[in-house]
Amino acid sequence: MEFKIAIGPQFEGERIRKDDLFIEFGGPKVKAKAELATIKKMDEVEHGKIEIIGPDIKDLAEGGSYPLGLIVEVAGTELDPDMEPVFERRIHQYCNYIEGFVHMAQRNDIWLRISKDAVKQGLTSLDEIGKVLIYLYTSELPIIERVAVTFITDAQKVENFLPSALDVYKARDERVRGLTEEAVDEFYGCTLCQSFAPTHVCIVTPERVSLCGAISWFDGRAASKIDPYGPQFVVEKGELLDTEKIVYSGVNEVVAERSMGTNDTFCLHSLFDHPHTSCGCFESIAFYIPEVDGIGILPRDFEGASVIGIPFSTMAGELSGGKQVEGYVGMGVEYLRSPKFLQGDGGLRRVVWMPKKVKERVKDSIPPEIFDKIATEEDVNDVDALAEFLARVEHPVMAGEFS
């Protein structure tokens, strides 16, 4: 198959700066965006079909930010519904194989950028991206026999598509709840983001979703079976070395090997002592607020500055790239529901600030006695106001009672 643009893994990690940007889909300026991979029956997928609903690349004004719904339908005689999130995460990898085209994040946080040079080379239609995706899905994953791709760029139609995508994400997240780390013999690792973060290794457990929020323990298991030599793989737990921060010898061995010796210890549930590395596709950030000895949560889609006066983009730049930064860690929002959420640091009882949208999303997992004591952007807008708020509501951190 011939393409108008160059493709290959050598283009992973490419950056498109503002001066080089032609247009972008999704990102912080666009509220309606989402991607979804679904498994269909063989007779439900017309192999090779690419549909564009709304304006194409060549129809859009240069420099703009636009909504996008990206749907990949796959079929195969040996496919299982558990594989859907695995195939969905491959959208990220395969899009980044395209020269002059960058894909970041996942689910309803996607951010895609197209360079001016790519357009000059012939990337003037989403049809070309669809052809690349179809080619890579079938050539890299032989278990897939048919692929069809749909791009939705009509703003209203993307708005209509988003709720159904959110329902699918929610159902996937709920499936793993209740399963514990003690109940399984192995975890799963993911190095899909090493093109952006060379020393990053994502460890996925039943109680710790991937940083991007898109890969659960079940998804990791499915991925390792589909492609044993791919970016998702089995991690033998080994010996439990720390029961509070949760340190496993097997995890440490994998981290040391896959990070090329840069890191050799992961405390799976701590923000301070050898925290998990952060990539660049994390869904949110947990960060330490020393003035109140508490923890804040900042999601990717939050507009404006956090309670400490730093926006997501700036904070993300400080901890991304595969670094271990004490006091900061990238994470999936679903991790807030985990019984082991930062248990080595006090867990949810030490959280003092998070946006209202996140607080409502995980409301059923926050202990009732502290729910109203966690401030949001509607309560405070700086650290001084936060300290006053926490004292007034008698948050546990004010008395050091979060352990």
Foldseek 3Di string as FASTA:
>chain_A
DDALFAFDQVQQQDDQDQVFFFEKEAALVDQQEFEWEFEDEPVVFDFLAEAEADDWQLRDHGSYYFYKYKYKYWYAPPDDRLQGLVLQVCLQVQQSRTHQWHWFFHGRRIMITGGPVVVVSPRRGCSSVQVSSSVCCCVVQVRTDGMYMYMYGPVVVSVVVNVVSVVVLVVVLVVLPPDDQVNDQWWKWFCSLCSNAVLAIFIAGSLAATQSSRGHRSNLVVNCVRPVPDRMHIFGQADFDDPQLTWGQSVLVVSCVRSVNPGRTDSDQAQADRHHAAAQRGQWKWFADVVLRAIEIGGSNDPAADQARHHPVVVSVVRHNGDRDRRMDRGHLSSLLGPSHSRNRLRLLRAAEYAPVSLVVNVVRRPPLCSVRRYHCVQHRYDVSSVVSNVVSVRCSNVPNRD
